[in-house]
């Protein structure tokens, strides 16, 4: 809705000032991302705009940094590790987070507020503190798995990182699924029970289809969290589990390479796609719950 014709002068000032403030905040947030993208096409090994780029000279632009990413063994190994760790961590986060959200949505559960606060604490507590705690816990777990069960050290390293990333992703799943369950009609599950359906059948045939958009949204957030995380993997993982963000962090510290900008651009594109999917799922969830008209 636009500004009504009867608006007073202070209302008009606030109307336009509010939009200017929002535009400035948007520019402040988006500028670093916009700057990175053209720099990733730099024909030189610099982190600055060359004169050729400023003149829009085609010779100043190149795809060699993207080529380096897809041909360099270090970058490809880190990408492979990220694609191994993130899906498994997401699967665990979605499974446990969905069950926790459904359990907390029941009216008879005591101390729901306290339990919810504990479950979402990984996204509230500073990450460096969580990483330190995970280091001591998963070091003990890893030693037990290696000495008692005789598991391979590299495999145990993957298990530790996957479990640590799953802990970080669970709060996002709980929040999104809980929000979806707010508008869920409990009479549907009671009707299914009256028709003879057991709890498992009721969940998968009645409840799950309606909360699926929230579950997928939470899974996407958990995937992004795992795929972009670097602090915890530095504490919990080893060189064999070096992920893509870890490789980028190492590149910034040890060998400055514009390939990092190419990787950052690709990650931004992936994030935009995933967030677009999340928004589409959110709208579908609202339509299924009757919040908005189809």
Protein backbone atom coordinates (compact mmCIF):
# COMPACT_ATOMS: atom_id res chain seq x y z
CA UNK A 1 0.00 0.00 0.00
CA UNK A 2 1.19 3.48 -0.88
CA UNK A 3 1.13 6.63 1.17
CA UNK A 4 -2.51 7.73 1.77
CA UNK A 5 -3.41 11.22 0.50
CA UNK A 6 -4.45 12.39 3.97
CA UNK A 7 -1.06 11.56 5.56
CA UNK A 8 0.47 14.29 7.71
CA UNK A 9 3.91 15.79 7.12
CA UNK A 10 5.61 13.70 9.87
CA UNK A 11 4.03 10.57 8.42
CA UNK A 12 5.31 11.45 4.96
CA UNK A 13 8.79 12.09 6.32
CA UNK A 14 8.81 8.74 8.15
CA UNK A 15 7.39 6.96 5.09
CA UNK A 16 10.28 8.01 2.85
CA UNK A 17 12.93 7.95 5.60
CA UNK A 18 12.05 4.36 6.44
CA UNK A 19 12.56 3.31 2.84
CA UNK A 20 15.87 5.14 2.61
CA UNK A 21 17.07 3.44 5.80
CA UNK A 22 16.03 0.01 4.48
CA UNK A 23 17.83 0.70 1.19
CA UNK A 24 21.02 1.72 3.02
CA UNK A 25 20.91 -1.41 5.19
CA UNK A 26 20.39 -3.55 2.09
CA UNK A 27 23.35 -1.89 0.35
CA UNK A 28 25.50 -2.34 3.47
CA UNK A 29 24.72 -6.06 3.57
CA UNK A 30 24.91 -6.84 -0.14
CA UNK A 31 27.94 -4.75 -1.19
CA UNK A 32 30.63 -7.21 0.03
CA UNK A 33 28.94 -10.01 -1.91
CA UNK A 34 28.62 -7.92 -5.07
CA UNK A 35 32.30 -6.92 -4.91
CA UNK A 36 33.48 -10.52 -4.65
CA UNK A 37 31.70 -11.71 -7.79
CA UNK A 38 33.46 -9.58 -10.46
CA UNK A 39 36.82 -10.06 -8.71
CA UNK A 40 36.49 -13.80 -9.20
CA UNK A 41 36.77 -13.22 -12.95
CA UNK A 42 40.04 -11.27 -12.63
CA UNK A 43 42.59 -12.31 -15.25
CA UNK A 44 45.42 -11.47 -12.86
CA UNK A 45 46.31 -13.04 -9.52
CA UNK A 46 45.18 -10.01 -7.57
CA UNK A 47 42.40 -9.23 -5.10
CA UNK A 48 41.87 -5.77 -6.62
CA UNK A 49 40.22 -4.40 -9.71
CA UNK A 50 42.83 -4.03 -12.46
CA UNK A 51 42.75 -1.11 -14.93
CA UNK A 52 41.59 -3.52 -17.62
CA UNK A 53 38.64 -4.59 -15.48
CA UNK A 54 37.67 -0.99 -14.75
CA UNK A 55 37.74 -0.26 -18.50
CA UNK A 56 35.58 -3.37 -19.05
CA UNK A 57 38.31 -4.73 -21.31
CA UNK A 58 37.61 -8.41 -22.11
CA UNK A 59 41.31 -9.17 -21.65
CA UNK A 60 40.97 -8.20 -17.98
CA UNK A 61 38.49 -10.99 -17.31
CA UNK A 62 39.12 -14.71 -17.20
CA UNK A 63 37.69 -18.00 -15.93
CA UNK A 64 41.10 -19.35 -14.92
CA UNK A 65 40.32 -19.18 -11.20
CA UNK A 66 37.21 -21.30 -11.72
CA UNK A 67 39.31 -23.67 -13.82
CA UNK A 68 41.85 -23.88 -11.01
CA UNK A 69 39.10 -24.79 -8.56
CA UNK A 70 37.78 -27.63 -10.70
CA UNK A 71 41.24 -29.00 -11.58
CA UNK A 72 43.21 -28.49 -8.35
CA UNK A 73 43.41 -31.66 -6.26
CA UNK A 74 43.35 -29.79 -2.93
CA UNK A 75 40.18 -27.90 -3.78
CA UNK A 76 38.47 -30.98 -5.17
CA UNK A 77 39.38 -33.05 -2.11
CA UNK A 78 37.92 -30.41 0.19
CA UNK A 79 34.78 -30.19 -1.96
CA UNK A 80 34.41 -33.97 -1.79
CA UNK A 81 34.71 -33.88 2.00
CA UNK A 82 32.06 -31.16 2.25
CA UNK A 83 29.72 -33.17 0.03
CA UNK A 84 30.25 -36.23 2.25
CA UNK A 85 29.88 -34.51 5.61
CA UNK A 86 27.02 -32.08 4.93
CA UNK A 87 24.40 -34.60 3.65
CA UNK A 88 24.97 -37.06 6.51
CA UNK A 89 24.92 -34.27 9.08
CA UNK A 90 21.72 -32.95 7.52
CA UNK A 91 20.08 -36.38 7.63
CA UNK A 92 20.83 -36.74 11.34
CA UNK A 93 19.71 -33.18 12.07
CA UNK A 94 16.41 -33.63 10.23
CA UNK A 95 15.65 -36.96 11.89
CA UNK A 96 16.38 -35.88 15.45
CA UNK A 97 15.14 -32.31 15.04
CA UNK A 98 11.79 -33.38 13.58
CA UNK A 99 11.19 -35.92 16.36
CA UNK A 100 12.12 -33.33 18.98
CA UNK A 101 9.80 -30.72 17.48
CA UNK A 102 6.87 -33.15 17.34
CA UNK A 103 7.50 -34.23 20.92
CA UNK A 104 7.67 -30.64 22.18
CA UNK A 105 4.46 -29.79 20.36
CA UNK A 106 2.52 -32.19 22.61
CA UNK A 107 0.58 -30.43 25.35
CA UNK A 108 1.42 -32.98 28.06
CA UNK A 109 5.23 -32.55 27.82
CA UNK A 110 6.55 -30.88 31.02
CA UNK A 111 9.23 -28.16 31.05
CA UNK A 112 8.87 -27.53 27.32
CA UNK A 113 10.45 -24.10 27.57
CA UNK A 114 13.53 -25.42 29.35
CA UNK A 115 13.93 -28.34 26.95
CA UNK A 116 13.53 -26.06 23.95
CA UNK A 117 16.16 -23.65 25.31
CA UNK A 118 18.62 -26.52 25.77
CA UNK A 119 18.00 -27.95 22.29
CA UNK A 120 18.47 -24.64 20.47
CA UNK A 121 21.44 -23.58 22.63
CA UNK A 122 24.02 -24.53 19.94
CA UNK A 123 22.80 -21.61 17.81
CA UNK A 124 22.86 -19.21 20.79
CA UNK A 125 26.11 -20.12 22.54
CA UNK A 126 29.19 -18.56 20.88
CA UNK A 127 30.54 -21.01 18.33
CA UNK A 128 34.07 -20.98 19.71
CA UNK A 129 32.73 -22.16 23.10
CA UNK A 130 30.68 -24.92 21.47
CA UNK A 131 33.71 -25.94 19.40
CA UNK A 132 35.91 -26.15 22.48
CA UNK A 133 33.39 -28.36 24.28
CA UNK A 134 32.97 -30.55 21.21
CA UNK A 135 36.75 -30.93 20.95
CA UNK A 136 37.02 -32.54 24.39
CA UNK A 137 33.87 -34.64 24.02
CA UNK A 138 34.55 -35.99 20.53
CA UNK A 139 38.23 -36.55 21.27
CA UNK A 140 37.19 -38.95 24.02
CA UNK A 141 34.57 -40.53 21.77
CA UNK A 142 37.08 -40.89 18.95
CA UNK A 143 39.67 -42.54 21.16
CA UNK A 144 37.04 -45.00 22.38
CA UNK A 145 35.92 -45.84 18.85
CA UNK A 146 39.52 -46.39 17.72
CA UNK A 147 40.82 -48.36 20.71
CA UNK A 148 37.71 -50.32 21.74
CA UNK A 149 36.01 -50.95 18.41
CA UNK A 150 39.16 -50.79 16.28
CA UNK A 151 37.67 -48.41 13.71
CA UNK A 152 39.82 -46.65 11.14
CA UNK A 153 41.17 -43.29 12.31
CA UNK A 154 40.08 -41.46 9.15
CA UNK A 155 36.56 -42.94 9.38
CA UNK A 156 36.32 -41.90 13.03
CA UNK A 157 37.34 -38.39 12.00
CA UNK A 158 34.41 -38.20 9.59
CA UNK A 159 32.05 -39.53 12.26
CA UNK A 160 33.15 -36.85 14.73
CA UNK A 161 32.71 -33.99 12.25
CA UNK A 162 29.34 -35.29 11.04
CA UNK A 163 28.02 -35.59 14.61
CA UNK A 164 29.34 -32.14 15.51
CA UNK A 165 27.72 -30.55 12.45
CA UNK A 166 24.48 -32.41 13.18
CA UNK A 167 24.40 -30.77 16.62
CA UNK A 168 24.69 -27.36 14.95
CA UNK A 169 21.90 -28.14 12.48
CA UNK A 170 19.33 -29.59 14.88
CA UNK A 171 18.20 -26.18 16.28
CA UNK A 172 17.30 -24.94 12.78
CA UNK A 173 15.20 -28.04 12.13
CA UNK A 174 13.44 -27.74 15.49
CA UNK A 175 12.56 -24.09 14.93
CA UNK A 176 11.22 -24.53 11.38
CA UNK A 177 9.25 -27.70 12.15
CA UNK A 178 7.84 -26.18 15.35
CA UNK A 179 6.67 -23.16 13.36
CA UNK A 180 4.98 -25.50 10.88
CA UNK A 181 3.26 -27.43 13.66
CA UNK A 182 1.67 -24.26 15.05
CA UNK A 183 -1.10 -24.42 12.47
CA UNK A 184 -1.40 -28.21 12.43
CA UNK A 185 -4.92 -29.54 13.05
CA UNK A 186 -4.64 -32.17 15.82
CA UNK A 187 -8.05 -33.55 14.97
CA UNK A 188 -6.50 -35.15 11.86
CA UNK A 189 -4.28 -37.43 13.92
CA UNK A 190 -7.15 -38.29 16.26
CA UNK A 191 -9.32 -39.13 13.27
CA UNK A 192 -6.60 -41.39 11.87
CA UNK A 193 -6.30 -43.14 15.24
CA UNK A 194 -10.07 -43.64 15.36
CA UNK A 195 -9.88 -45.26 11.92
CA UNK A 196 -7.38 -47.80 13.27
CA UNK A 197 -4.08 -46.30 12.10
CA UNK A 198 -1.11 -46.89 14.39
CA UNK A 199 1.13 -43.95 15.41
CA UNK A 200 3.76 -44.72 12.75
CA UNK A 201 1.18 -44.87 9.96
CA UNK A 202 -0.48 -41.71 11.25
CA UNK A 203 2.84 -39.87 11.22
CA UNK A 204 3.89 -40.84 7.70
CA UNK A 205 0.44 -40.76 6.05
CA UNK A 206 -1.21 -37.81 7.82
CA UNK A 207 1.22 -35.60 9.72
CA UNK A 208 4.37 -35.80 7.60
CA UNK A 209 2.83 -34.59 4.30
CA UNK A 210 1.54 -31.44 6.03
CA UNK A 211 4.75 -30.58 7.87
CA UNK A 212 7.05 -31.67 5.02
CA UNK A 213 7.75 -28.08 3.80
CA UNK A 214 8.99 -27.18 7.28
CA UNK A 215 11.08 -30.33 7.49
CA UNK A 216 12.71 -29.64 4.12
CA UNK A 217 13.30 -25.99 5.04
CA UNK A 218 15.00 -27.03 8.26
CA UNK A 219 17.06 -29.57 6.35
CA UNK A 220 18.23 -26.90 3.91
CA UNK A 221 19.26 -24.62 6.76
CA UNK A 222 21.09 -27.53 8.40
CA UNK A 223 22.84 -28.32 5.11
CA UNK A 224 23.95 -24.71 4.65
CA UNK A 225 25.18 -24.58 8.25
CA UNK A 226 27.27 -27.73 7.80
CA UNK A 227 28.54 -26.82 4.33
CA UNK A 228 29.69 -23.32 5.39
CA UNK A 229 31.00 -24.16 8.88
CA UNK A 230 34.73 -23.84 9.59
CA UNK A 231 35.28 -23.26 13.33
CA UNK A 232 34.02 -26.60 14.64
CA UNK A 233 35.75 -28.63 11.93
CA UNK A 234 39.05 -26.94 12.83
CA UNK A 235 38.65 -28.19 16.41
CA UNK A 236 37.09 -31.61 15.78
CA UNK A 237 38.41 -32.68 12.39
CA UNK A 238 41.86 -33.51 11.08
CA UNK A 239 43.65 -32.95 7.78
CA UNK A 240 41.74 -35.86 6.25
CA UNK A 241 38.42 -34.06 6.83
CA UNK A 242 39.46 -30.68 5.43
CA UNK A 243 36.23 -29.14 4.10
CA UNK A 244 35.76 -26.40 1.54
CA UNK A 245 35.49 -23.54 4.10
CA UNK A 246 38.57 -24.92 5.87
CA UNK A 247 40.47 -24.91 2.57
CA UNK A 248 39.37 -21.31 1.98
CA UNK A 249 40.53 -20.33 5.46
CA UNK A 250 43.88 -22.03 4.87
CA UNK A 251 44.21 -20.28 1.53
CA UNK A 252 43.71 -16.89 3.12
CA UNK A 253 46.34 -17.61 5.79
CA UNK A 254 49.02 -19.41 3.79
CA UNK A 255 48.62 -18.83 0.07
CA UNK A 256 46.58 -15.90 -1.12
CA UNK A 257 44.82 -17.03 -4.28
CA UNK A 258 41.90 -15.49 -6.18
CA UNK A 259 40.54 -19.03 -6.47
CA UNK A 260 39.02 -18.30 -3.07
CA UNK A 261 36.89 -15.61 -4.72
CA UNK A 262 35.69 -18.06 -7.35
CA UNK A 263 34.70 -20.54 -4.64
CA UNK A 264 32.99 -17.78 -2.67
CA UNK A 265 30.98 -16.81 -5.75
CA UNK A 266 29.87 -20.40 -6.27
CA UNK A 267 28.86 -20.71 -2.62
CA UNK A 268 26.85 -17.47 -2.85
CA UNK A 269 25.03 -18.84 -5.89
CA UNK A 270 24.26 -22.11 -4.09
CA UNK A 271 23.02 -20.22 -1.03
CA UNK A 272 20.73 -18.05 -3.16
CA UNK A 273 19.23 -21.14 -4.79
CA UNK A 274 18.68 -22.89 -1.46
CA UNK A 275 17.14 -19.81 0.17
CA UNK A 276 14.83 -19.43 -2.83
CA UNK A 277 13.71 -23.03 -2.33
CA UNK A 278 13.14 -22.31 1.37
CA UNK A 279 10.93 -19.33 0.54
CA UNK A 280 8.90 -21.36 -1.96
CA UNK A 281 8.44 -24.10 0.62
CA UNK A 282 7.38 -21.55 3.22
CA UNK A 283 4.66 -20.26 0.92
CA UNK A 284 3.53 -23.79 0.13
CA UNK A 285 3.36 -24.55 3.85
CA UNK A 286 1.20 -21.49 4.43
CA UNK A 287 -1.17 -22.55 1.66
CA UNK A 288 -1.43 -26.06 3.08
CA UNK A 289 -2.28 -24.66 6.52
CA UNK A 290 -4.80 -22.23 5.05
CA UNK A 291 -2.94 -19.09 6.18
CA UNK A 292 -3.07 -17.59 2.70
CA UNK A 293 -5.25 -18.33 -0.24
CA UNK A 294 -3.88 -20.43 -3.08
